[in-house]
PDB file of N, CA and C in Angstrom:
ATOM      1  N   UNK A   1       0.853  -1.174   0.000  1.00  0.00           N
ATOM      2  CA  UNK A   1       0.000   0.000   0.000  1.00  0.00           C
ATOM      3  C   UNK A   1       0.896   1.233   0.000  1.00  0.00           C
ATOM      4  N   UNK A   2       0.555   2.199  -0.787  1.00  0.00           N
ATOM      5  CA  UNK A   2       1.392   3.400  -0.877  1.00  0.00           C
ATOM      6  C   UNK A   2       1.132   4.358   0.277  1.00  0.00           C
ATOM      7  N   UNK A   3       2.153   5.143   0.586  1.00  0.00           N
ATOM      8  CA  UNK A   3       2.038   6.124   1.677  1.00  0.00           C
ATOM      9  C   UNK A   3       1.235   7.336   1.196  1.00  0.00           C
ATOM     10  N   UNK A   4       0.471   7.910   2.089  1.00  0.00           N
ATOM     11  CA  UNK A   4      -0.317   9.116   1.799  1.00  0.00           C
ATOM     12  C   UNK A   4       0.181  10.217   2.715  1.00  0.00           C
ATOM     13  N   UNK A   5       0.492  11.369   2.148  1.00  0.00           N
ATOM     14  CA  UNK A   5       0.950  12.517   2.937  1.00  0.00           C
ATOM     15  C   UNK A   5      -0.236  13.097   3.709  1.00  0.00           C
ATOM     16  N   UNK A   6      -0.170  13.055   5.030  1.00  0.00           N
ATOM     17  CA  UNK A   6      -1.267  13.542   5.873  1.00  0.00           C
ATOM     18  C   UNK A   6      -0.937  14.873   6.542  1.00  0.00           C
ATOM     19  N   UNK A   7       0.163  15.492   6.139  1.00  0.00           N
ATOM     20  CA  UNK A   7       0.610  16.708   6.827  1.00  0.00           C
ATOM     21  C   UNK A   7      -0.312  17.907   6.604  1.00  0.00           C
ATOM     22  N   UNK A   8      -1.073  17.926   5.527  1.00  0.00           N
ATOM     23  CA  UNK A   8      -1.922  19.090   5.252  1.00  0.00           C
ATOM     24  C   UNK A   8      -3.401  18.738   5.100  1.00  0.00           C
ATOM     25  N   UNK A   9      -3.806  17.575   5.601  1.00  0.00           N
ATOM     26  CA  UNK A   9      -5.215  17.217   5.471  1.00  0.00           C
ATOM     27  C   UNK A   9      -6.044  17.899   6.553  1.00  0.00           C
ATOM     28  N   UNK A  10      -7.321  18.014   6.301  1.00  0.00           N
ATOM     29  CA  UNK A  10      -8.255  18.545   7.292  1.00  0.00           C
ATOM     30  C   UNK A  10      -8.935  17.364   7.967  1.00  0.00           C
ATOM     31  N   UNK A  11      -8.739  17.272   9.266  1.00  0.00           N
ATOM     32  CA  UNK A  11      -9.320  16.195  10.048  1.00  0.00           C
ATOM     33  C   UNK A  11     -10.672  16.636  10.580  1.00  0.00           C
ATOM     34  N   UNK A  12     -11.600  15.695  10.695  1.00  0.00           N
ATOM     35  CA  UNK A  12     -12.887  15.989  11.327  1.00  0.00           C
ATOM     36  C   UNK A  12     -13.152  14.936  12.384  1.00  0.00           C
ATOM     37  N   UNK A  13     -13.697  15.399  13.489  1.00  0.00           N
ATOM     38  CA  UNK A  13     -13.976  14.506  14.619  1.00  0.00           C
ATOM     39  C   UNK A  13     -15.302  13.790  14.379  1.00  0.00           C
ATOM     40  N   UNK A  14     -15.371  12.578  14.818  1.00  0.00           N
ATOM     41  CA  UNK A  14     -16.599  11.805  14.715  1.00  0.00           C
ATOM     42  C   UNK A  14     -17.763  12.551  15.367  1.00  0.00           C
ATOM     43  N   UNK A  15     -18.914  12.461  14.758  1.00  0.00           N
ATOM     44  CA  UNK A  15     -20.105  13.101  15.342  1.00  0.00           C
ATOM     45  C   UNK A  15     -20.520  12.421  16.632  1.00  0.00           C
ATOM     46  N   UNK A  16     -19.991  11.237  16.904  1.00  0.00           N
ATOM     47  CA  UNK A  16     -20.311  10.524  18.145  1.00  0.00           C
ATOM     48  C   UNK A  16     -19.331  10.843  19.267  1.00  0.00           C
ATOM     49  N   UNK A  17     -18.308  11.636  18.987  1.00  0.00           N
ATOM     50  CA  UNK A  17     -17.359  12.037  20.023  1.00  0.00           C
ATOM     51  C   UNK A  17     -18.001  13.114  20.876  1.00  0.00           C
ATOM     52  N   UNK A  18     -17.580  13.180  22.125  1.00  0.00           N
ATOM     53  CA  UNK A  18     -18.113  14.215  23.005  1.00  0.00           C
ATOM     54  C   UNK A  18     -16.974  15.097  23.501  1.00  0.00           C
ATOM     55  N   UNK A  19     -17.300  16.102  24.275  1.00  0.00           N
ATOM     56  CA  UNK A  19     -16.305  17.079  24.722  1.00  0.00           C
ATOM     57  C   UNK A  19     -15.671  16.739  26.070  1.00  0.00           C
ATOM     58  N   UNK A  20     -15.960  15.569  26.640  1.00  0.00           N
ATOM     59  CA  UNK A  20     -15.427  15.262  27.964  1.00  0.00           C
ATOM     60  C   UNK A  20     -14.082  14.533  27.919  1.00  0.00           C
ATOM     61  N   UNK A  21     -13.454  14.480  26.740  1.00  0.00           N
ATOM     62  CA  UNK A  21     -12.147  13.842  26.628  1.00  0.00           C
ATOM     63  C   UNK A  21     -12.223  12.343  26.491  1.00  0.00           C
ATOM     64  N   UNK A  22     -13.402  11.834  26.177  1.00  0.00           N
ATOM     65  CA  UNK A  22     -13.579  10.394  26.031  1.00  0.00           C
ATOM     66  C   UNK A  22     -12.984   9.870  24.737  1.00  0.00           C
ATOM     67  N   UNK A  23     -13.576   8.830  24.238  1.00  0.00           N
ATOM     68  CA  UNK A  23     -13.078   8.180  23.029  1.00  0.00           C
ATOM     69  C   UNK A  23     -13.381   9.041  21.809  1.00  0.00           C
ATOM     70  N   UNK A  24     -12.344   9.601  21.219  1.00  0.00           N
ATOM     71  CA  UNK A  24     -12.520  10.516  20.090  1.00  0.00           C
ATOM     72  C   UNK A  24     -11.761   9.994  18.880  1.00  0.00           C
ATOM     73  N   UNK A  25     -12.444   9.965  17.777  1.00  0.00           N
ATOM     74  CA  UNK A  25     -11.890   9.480  16.537  1.00  0.00           C
ATOM     75  C   UNK A  25     -11.978  10.585  15.504  1.00  0.00           C
ATOM     76  N   UNK A  26     -10.924  10.749  14.701  1.00  0.00           N
ATOM     77  CA  UNK A  26     -10.930  11.720  13.622  1.00  0.00           C
ATOM     78  C   UNK A  26     -10.626  11.012  12.313  1.00  0.00           C
ATOM     79  N   UNK A  27     -11.254  11.492  11.244  1.00  0.00           N
ATOM     80  CA  UNK A  27     -10.978  10.973   9.910  1.00  0.00           C
ATOM     81  C   UNK A  27     -10.711  12.147   8.983  1.00  0.00           C
ATOM     82  N   UNK A  28     -10.041  11.874   7.884  1.00  0.00           N
ATOM     83  CA  UNK A  28      -9.811  12.879   6.850  1.00  0.00           C
ATOM     84  C   UNK A  28     -10.492  12.379   5.581  1.00  0.00           C
ATOM     85  N   UNK A  29     -11.162  13.284   4.890  1.00  0.00           N
ATOM     86  CA  UNK A  29     -11.916  12.934   3.692  1.00  0.00           C
ATOM     87  C   UNK A  29     -11.155  13.315   2.423  1.00  0.00           C
ATOM     88  N   UNK A  30     -11.676  12.827   1.310  1.00  0.00           N
ATOM     89  CA  UNK A  30     -11.221  13.213  -0.035  1.00  0.00           C
ATOM     90  C   UNK A  30      -9.784  12.810  -0.327  1.00  0.00           C
ATOM     91  N   UNK A  31      -9.418  11.623   0.128  1.00  0.00           N
ATOM     92  CA  UNK A  31      -8.099  11.071  -0.153  1.00  0.00           C
ATOM     93  C   UNK A  31      -8.286   9.690  -0.785  1.00  0.00           C
ATOM     94  N   UNK A  32      -7.234   9.136  -1.376  1.00  0.00           N
ATOM     95  CA  UNK A  32      -7.354   7.798  -1.958  1.00  0.00           C
ATOM     96  C   UNK A  32      -7.653   6.725  -0.913  1.00  0.00           C
ATOM     97  N   UNK A  33      -7.266   6.976   0.328  1.00  0.00           N
ATOM     98  CA  UNK A  33      -7.539   6.085   1.453  1.00  0.00           C
ATOM     99  C   UNK A  33      -8.235   6.890   2.534  1.00  0.00           C
ATOM    100  N   UNK A  34      -8.827   6.216   3.517  1.00  0.00           N
ATOM    101  CA  UNK A  34      -9.476   6.900   4.641  1.00  0.00           C
ATOM    102  C   UNK A  34      -8.558   6.795   5.855  1.00  0.00           C
ATOM    103  N   UNK A  35      -7.848   7.895   6.196  1.00  0.00           N
ATOM    104  CA  UNK A  35      -7.002   7.873   7.378  1.00  0.00           C
ATOM    105  C   UNK A  35      -7.828   8.139   8.638  1.00  0.00           C
ATOM    106  N   UNK A  36      -7.480   7.441   9.710  1.00  0.00           N
ATOM    107  CA  UNK A  36      -8.190   7.531  10.986  1.00  0.00           C
ATOM    108  C   UNK A  36      -7.142   7.703  12.080  1.00  0.00           C
ATOM    109  N   UNK A  37      -7.415   8.607  13.031  1.00  0.00           N
ATOM    110  CA  UNK A  37      -6.467   8.800  14.137  1.00  0.00           C
ATOM    111  C   UNK A  37      -7.217   9.090  15.427  1.00  0.00           C
ATOM    112  N   UNK A  38      -6.495   9.005  16.531  1.00  0.00           N
ATOM    113  CA  UNK A  38      -7.012   9.330  17.859  1.00  0.00           C
ATOM    114  C   UNK A  38      -6.877  10.840  18.035  1.00  0.00           C
ATOM    115  N   UNK A  39      -7.977  11.538  18.258  1.00  0.00           N
ATOM    116  CA  UNK A  39      -7.933  13.000  18.364  1.00  0.00           C
ATOM    117  C   UNK A  39      -7.146  13.470  19.584  1.00  0.00           C
ATOM    118  N   UNK A  40      -6.989  12.598  20.582  1.00  0.00           N
ATOM    119  CA  UNK A  40      -6.227  12.987  21.772  1.00  0.00           C
ATOM    120  C   UNK A  40      -4.724  12.893  21.531  1.00  0.00           C
ATOM    121  N   UNK A  41      -4.334  12.300  20.404  1.00  0.00           N
ATOM    122  CA  UNK A  41      -2.918  12.148  20.067  1.00  0.00           C
ATOM    123  C   UNK A  41      -2.712  12.472  18.579  1.00  0.00           C
ATOM    124  N   UNK A  42      -2.938  13.733  18.185  1.00  0.00           N
ATOM    125  CA  UNK A  42      -2.865  14.079  16.763  1.00  0.00           C
ATOM    126  C   UNK A  42      -1.493  13.885  16.131  1.00  0.00           C
ATOM    127  N   UNK A  43      -0.441  13.871  16.924  1.00  0.00           N
ATOM    128  CA  UNK A  43       0.897  13.644  16.371  1.00  0.00           C
ATOM    129  C   UNK A  43       1.218  12.153  16.290  1.00  0.00           C
ATOM    130  N   UNK A  44       0.335  11.334  16.814  1.00  0.00           N
ATOM    131  CA  UNK A  44       0.551   9.890  16.809  1.00  0.00           C
ATOM    132  C   UNK A  44       0.226   9.282  15.458  1.00  0.00           C
ATOM    133  N   UNK A  45       0.232   7.981  15.396  1.00  0.00           N
ATOM    134  CA  UNK A  45       0.018   7.299  14.127  1.00  0.00           C
ATOM    135  C   UNK A  45      -1.429   7.387  13.654  1.00  0.00           C
ATOM    136  N   UNK A  46      -1.598   7.257  12.365  1.00  0.00           N
ATOM    137  CA  UNK A  46      -2.926   7.168  11.760  1.00  0.00           C
ATOM    138  C   UNK A  46      -3.005   5.828  11.037  1.00  0.00           C
ATOM    139  N   UNK A  47      -4.145   5.217  11.081  1.00  0.00           N
ATOM    140  CA  UNK A  47      -4.407   4.002  10.317  1.00  0.00           C
ATOM    141  C   UNK A  47      -5.129   4.407   9.045  1.00  0.00           C
ATOM    142  N   UNK A  48      -4.794   3.787   7.938  1.00  0.00           N
ATOM    143  CA  UNK A  48      -5.455   4.098   6.663  1.00  0.00           C
ATOM    144  C   UNK A  48      -6.171   2.868   6.142  1.00  0.00           C
ATOM    145  N   UNK A  49      -7.388   3.086   5.676  1.00  0.00           N
ATOM    146  CA  UNK A  49      -8.234   2.008   5.182  1.00  0.00           C
ATOM    147  C   UNK A  49      -8.696   2.319   3.765  1.00  0.00           C
ATOM    148  N   UNK A  50      -8.891   1.284   2.969  1.00  0.00           N
ATOM    149  CA  UNK A  50      -9.522   1.482   1.673  1.00  0.00           C
ATOM    150  C   UNK A  50     -10.968   1.892   1.929  1.00  0.00           C
ATOM    151  N   UNK A  51     -11.521   2.713   1.031  1.00  0.00           N
ATOM    152  CA  UNK A  51     -12.863   3.258   1.221  1.00  0.00           C
ATOM    153  C   UNK A  51     -13.902   2.158   1.423  1.00  0.00           C
ATOM    154  N   UNK A  52     -13.851   1.090   0.627  1.00  0.00           N
ATOM    155  CA  UNK A  52     -14.847   0.020   0.763  1.00  0.00           C
ATOM    156  C   UNK A  52     -14.762  -0.649   2.132  1.00  0.00           C
ATOM    157  N   UNK A  53     -13.554  -0.848   2.629  1.00  0.00           N
ATOM    158  CA  UNK A  53     -13.376  -1.466   3.947  1.00  0.00           C
ATOM    159  C   UNK A  53     -13.898  -0.561   5.053  1.00  0.00           C
ATOM    160  N   UNK A  54     -13.572   0.726   4.968  1.00  0.00           N
ATOM    161  CA  UNK A  54     -14.031   1.686   5.977  1.00  0.00           C
ATOM    162  C   UNK A  54     -15.558   1.786   5.951  1.00  0.00           C
ATOM    163  N   UNK A  55     -16.146   1.839   4.757  1.00  0.00           N
ATOM    164  CA  UNK A  55     -17.608   1.937   4.634  1.00  0.00           C
ATOM    165  C   UNK A  55     -18.285   0.703   5.228  1.00  0.00           C
ATOM    166  N   UNK A  56     -17.717  -0.480   4.991  1.00  0.00           N
ATOM    167  CA  UNK A  56     -18.281  -1.707   5.559  1.00  0.00           C
ATOM    168  C   UNK A  56     -18.186  -1.690   7.082  1.00  0.00           C
ATOM    169  N   UNK A  57     -17.071  -1.207   7.617  1.00  0.00           N
ATOM    170  CA  UNK A  57     -16.916  -1.105   9.075  1.00  0.00           C
ATOM    171  C   UNK A  57     -17.962  -0.156   9.667  1.00  0.00           C
ATOM    172  N   UNK A  58     -18.093   1.030   9.090  1.00  0.00           N
ATOM    173  CA  UNK A  58     -19.060   2.015   9.599  1.00  0.00           C
ATOM    174  C   UNK A  58     -20.477   1.453   9.530  1.00  0.00           C
ATOM    175  N   UNK A  59     -20.819   0.802   8.428  1.00  0.00           N
ATOM    176  CA  UNK A  59     -22.155   0.211   8.291  1.00  0.00           C
ATOM    177  C   UNK A  59     -22.375  -0.856   9.363  1.00  0.00           C
ATOM    178  N   UNK A  60     -21.358  -1.661   9.649  1.00  0.00           N
ATOM    179  CA  UNK A  60     -21.467  -2.688  10.681  1.00  0.00           C
ATOM    180  C   UNK A  60     -21.665  -2.118  12.062  1.00  0.00           C
ATOM    181  N   UNK A  61     -20.996  -1.010  12.349  1.00  0.00           N
ATOM    182  CA  UNK A  61     -21.175  -0.350  13.649  1.00  0.00           C
ATOM    183  C   UNK A  61     -22.580   0.215  13.751  1.00  0.00           C
ATOM    184  N   UNK A  62     -23.031   0.863  12.675  1.00  0.00           N
ATOM    185  CA  UNK A  62     -24.367   1.485  12.700  1.00  0.00           C
ATOM    186  C   UNK A  62     -25.483   0.471  12.879  1.00  0.00           C
ATOM    187  N   UNK A  63     -25.347  -0.683  12.248  1.00  0.00           N
ATOM    188  CA  UNK A  63     -26.445  -1.645  12.354  1.00  0.00           C
ATOM    189  C   UNK A  63     -26.252  -2.698  13.457  1.00  0.00           C
ATOM    190  N   UNK A  64     -25.216  -2.514  14.273  1.00  0.00           N
ATOM    191  CA  UNK A  64     -25.025  -3.353  15.454  1.00  0.00           C
ATOM    192  C   UNK A  64     -24.265  -4.648  15.230  1.00  0.00           C
ATOM    193  N   UNK A  65     -23.774  -4.913  14.019  1.00  0.00           N
ATOM    194  CA  UNK A  65     -22.993  -6.125  13.799  1.00  0.00           C
ATOM    195  C   UNK A  65     -21.611  -6.031  14.410  1.00  0.00           C
ATOM    196  N   UNK A  66     -21.104  -4.792  14.588  1.00  0.00           N
ATOM    197  CA  UNK A  66     -19.789  -4.558  15.171  1.00  0.00           C
ATOM    198  C   UNK A  66     -19.975  -3.628  16.361  1.00  0.00           C
ATOM    199  N   UNK A  67     -19.365  -3.938  17.479  1.00  0.00           N
ATOM    200  CA  UNK A  67     -19.461  -3.055  18.637  1.00  0.00           C
ATOM    201  C   UNK A  67     -19.629  -3.833  19.923  1.00  0.00           C
ATOM    202  N   UNK A  68     -19.783  -3.061  20.968  1.00  0.00           N
ATOM    203  CA  UNK A  68     -19.878  -3.668  22.297  1.00  0.00           C
ATOM    204  C   UNK A  68     -21.225  -4.265  22.558  1.00  0.00           C
TER     205      UNK A  68
END
């Protein structure tokens, strides 16, 4: 998988994140891959997923197939 330069992307926080410092996830849009990072550690690593894989994961979380 090729590397994607994330130094100038615009990150957005998940709409399910809250302001109390809990579990916060950020993603960047409009790239060949979907990068995901922990908003509490923006200088830390980001995981990148192919769009189809990320979409399947999100759909699974929304419909309860994936999650606690």
